[in-house]
Amino acid sequence: MAKMYPTFGPKTNESHYAEPKFYNLLKNGLDDTYTVIHSVPWLSSAIKEIYGDISAIGEVDFLVIHPIRGVLAVEVGGILQRCKWLLLQPGWK
């Protein structure tokens, strides 16, 4: 089980329905070598330089951190009711 911060997760009345569901998928689907942080604020002066008067303050829904695999920033916009995943390894045909 992944290490999750905050430990209580997002609340459905404060965030999209997809975020609490995705939080639980990460929590139960990843092993304890992963750390997941929900709702990470960020600041970037580059945003103002590129887009002008747009706010340089933002938020990423999830940061998934692994000591070997690195960091993945995830923005959750919705959820699929059904999906099929296929993992292809190098050399597979």
C-alpha atoms as a PDB file:
ATOM      1  CA  MET A   1       0.000   0.000   0.000  1.00  0.00           C
ATOM      2  CA  ALA A   2       1.378   3.400  -1.008  1.00  0.00           C
ATOM      3  CA  LYS A   3       2.178   6.059   1.594  1.00  0.00           C
ATOM      4  CA  MET A   4      -0.534   8.693   1.175  1.00  0.00           C
ATOM      5  CA  TYR A   5      -0.540  12.369   2.177  1.00  0.00           C
ATOM      6  CA  PRO A   6      -2.860  13.552   3.520  1.00  0.00           C
ATOM      7  CA  THR A   7      -3.780  10.207   5.054  1.00  0.00           C
ATOM      8  CA  PHE A   8      -7.523  10.952   5.058  1.00  0.00           C
ATOM      9  CA  GLY A   9      -7.673  11.696   1.315  1.00  0.00           C
ATOM     10  CA  PRO A  10      -9.860  14.128  -0.607  1.00  0.00           C
ATOM     11  CA  LYS A  11     -13.507  14.574   0.328  1.00  0.00           C
ATOM     12  CA  THR A  12     -16.137  14.204  -2.385  1.00  0.00           C
ATOM     13  CA  ASN A  13     -17.841  17.471  -1.424  1.00  0.00           C
ATOM     14  CA  GLU A  14     -14.545  19.391  -1.780  1.00  0.00           C
ATOM     15  CA  SER A  15     -13.270  17.834  -5.003  1.00  0.00           C
ATOM     16  CA  HIS A  16     -14.458  16.024  -8.061  1.00  0.00           C
ATOM     17  CA  TYR A  17     -15.815  12.523  -7.531  1.00  0.00           C
ATOM     18  CA  ALA A  18     -12.899  11.195  -9.585  1.00  0.00           C
ATOM     19  CA  GLU A  19     -10.227  12.453  -7.173  1.00  0.00           C
ATOM     20  CA  PRO A  20     -11.320  10.386  -4.131  1.00  0.00           C
ATOM     21  CA  LYS A  21     -11.722   7.335  -6.360  1.00  0.00           C
ATOM     22  CA  PHE A  22      -8.277   7.841  -7.929  1.00  0.00           C
ATOM     23  CA  TYR A  23      -6.777   8.417  -4.459  1.00  0.00           C
ATOM     24  CA  ASN A  24      -8.058   5.005  -3.346  1.00  0.00           C
ATOM     25  CA  LEU A  25      -6.867   3.332  -6.555  1.00  0.00           C
ATOM     26  CA  LEU A  26      -3.340   4.648  -5.963  1.00  0.00           C
ATOM     27  CA  LYS A  27      -3.429   3.831  -2.250  1.00  0.00           C
ATOM     28  CA  ASN A  28      -4.474   0.220  -2.785  1.00  0.00           C
ATOM     29  CA  GLY A  29      -2.818  -0.389  -6.150  1.00  0.00           C
ATOM     30  CA  LEU A  30       0.743   0.753  -5.431  1.00  0.00           C
ATOM     31  CA  ASP A  31       3.203  -0.838  -3.029  1.00  0.00           C
ATOM     32  CA  ASP A  32       4.864   0.895  -0.085  1.00  0.00           C
ATOM     33  CA  THR A  33       7.823   2.084  -2.162  1.00  0.00           C
ATOM     34  CA  TYR A  34       5.512   4.784  -3.580  1.00  0.00           C
ATOM     35  CA  THR A  35       4.574   8.050  -1.917  1.00  0.00           C
ATOM     36  CA  VAL A  36       1.501   9.905  -3.159  1.00  0.00           C
ATOM     37  CA  ILE A  37       0.682  13.509  -2.263  1.00  0.00           C
ATOM     38  CA  HIS A  38      -2.773  14.908  -3.046  1.00  0.00           C
ATOM     39  CA  SER A  39      -3.433  18.561  -3.921  1.00  0.00           C
ATOM     40  CA  VAL A  40       0.032  20.068  -4.245  1.00  0.00           C
ATOM     41  CA  PRO A  41       0.137  23.859  -4.773  1.00  0.00           C
ATOM     42  CA  TRP A  42       2.832  25.291  -7.031  1.00  0.00           C
ATOM     43  CA  LEU A  43       4.143  28.683  -8.035  1.00  0.00           C
ATOM     44  CA  SER A  44       5.816  29.547 -11.306  1.00  0.00           C
ATOM     45  CA  SER A  45       6.961  32.912 -12.543  1.00  0.00           C
ATOM     46  CA  ALA A  46       7.366  31.315 -15.992  1.00  0.00           C
ATOM     47  CA  ILE A  47       3.561  31.108 -16.323  1.00  0.00           C
ATOM     48  CA  LYS A  48       3.236  34.907 -16.192  1.00  0.00           C
ATOM     49  CA  GLU A  49       6.087  35.304 -18.674  1.00  0.00           C
ATOM     50  CA  ILE A  50       4.419  32.927 -21.139  1.00  0.00           C
ATOM     51  CA  TYR A  51       0.724  33.745 -20.688  1.00  0.00           C
ATOM     52  CA  GLY A  52       0.747  37.303 -19.383  1.00  0.00           C
ATOM     53  CA  ASP A  53      -1.819  38.091 -16.729  1.00  0.00           C
ATOM     54  CA  ILE A  54      -2.746  34.495 -15.858  1.00  0.00           C
ATOM     55  CA  SER A  55      -2.103  33.595 -12.219  1.00  0.00           C
ATOM     56  CA  ALA A  56       1.245  31.980 -11.480  1.00  0.00           C
ATOM     57  CA  ILE A  57      -0.358  29.929  -8.717  1.00  0.00           C
ATOM     58  CA  GLY A  58      -1.712  26.485  -9.493  1.00  0.00           C
ATOM     59  CA  GLU A  59      -2.349  23.047  -8.066  1.00  0.00           C
ATOM     60  CA  VAL A  60      -1.596  19.525  -9.230  1.00  0.00           C
ATOM     61  CA  ASP A  61      -4.065  16.853  -8.132  1.00  0.00           C
ATOM     62  CA  PHE A  62      -1.524  14.124  -7.369  1.00  0.00           C
ATOM     63  CA  LEU A  63       2.240  13.706  -7.193  1.00  0.00           C
ATOM     64  CA  VAL A  64       3.283  10.062  -7.397  1.00  0.00           C
ATOM     65  CA  ILE A  65       6.856   9.664  -6.159  1.00  0.00           C
ATOM     66  CA  HIS A  66       9.104   6.604  -6.419  1.00  0.00           C
ATOM     67  CA  PRO A  67      12.807   6.524  -5.429  1.00  0.00           C
ATOM     68  CA  ILE A  68      13.853   4.790  -8.678  1.00  0.00           C
ATOM     69  CA  ARG A  69      11.088   5.525 -11.193  1.00  0.00           C
ATOM     70  CA  GLY A  70      10.887   9.239 -10.397  1.00  0.00           C
ATOM     71  CA  VAL A  71       7.990  11.673 -10.056  1.00  0.00           C
ATOM     72  CA  LEU A  72       4.698  11.759 -11.941  1.00  0.00           C
ATOM     73  CA  ALA A  73       2.301  14.718 -11.734  1.00  0.00           C
ATOM     74  CA  VAL A  74      -1.325  13.723 -12.370  1.00  0.00           C
ATOM     75  CA  GLU A  75      -4.270  16.010 -13.112  1.00  0.00           C
ATOM     76  CA  VAL A  76      -7.542  14.131 -12.645  1.00  0.00           C
ATOM     77  CA  GLY A  77     -10.338  15.451 -14.829  1.00  0.00           C
ATOM     78  CA  GLY A  78     -12.893  12.674 -14.777  1.00  0.00           C
ATOM     79  CA  ILE A  79     -13.214   8.949 -14.472  1.00  0.00           C
ATOM     80  CA  LEU A  80     -13.981   6.112 -16.819  1.00  0.00           C
ATOM     81  CA  GLN A  81     -16.561   3.631 -15.665  1.00  0.00           C
ATOM     82  CA  ARG A  82     -14.911   0.823 -17.632  1.00  0.00           C
ATOM     83  CA  CYS A  83     -11.432   0.523 -19.009  1.00  0.00           C
ATOM     84  CA  LYS A  84      -9.005  -2.084 -20.261  1.00  0.00           C
ATOM     85  CA  TRP A  85      -5.286  -1.705 -19.622  1.00  0.00           C
ATOM     86  CA  LEU A  86      -2.591  -3.383 -21.684  1.00  0.00           C
ATOM     87  CA  LEU A  87       1.045  -3.353 -20.614  1.00  0.00           C
ATOM     88  CA  LEU A  88       3.515  -3.989 -23.416  1.00  0.00           C
ATOM     89  CA  GLN A  89       7.033  -4.996 -22.482  1.00  0.00           C
ATOM     90  CA  PRO A  90      10.012  -4.449 -24.799  1.00  0.00           C
ATOM     91  CA  GLY A  91      10.360  -7.413 -27.129  1.00  0.00           C
ATOM     92  CA  TRP A  92       6.691  -8.469 -26.923  1.00  0.00           C
ATOM     93  CA  LYS A  93       4.824  -8.975 -30.186  1.00  0.00           C
END
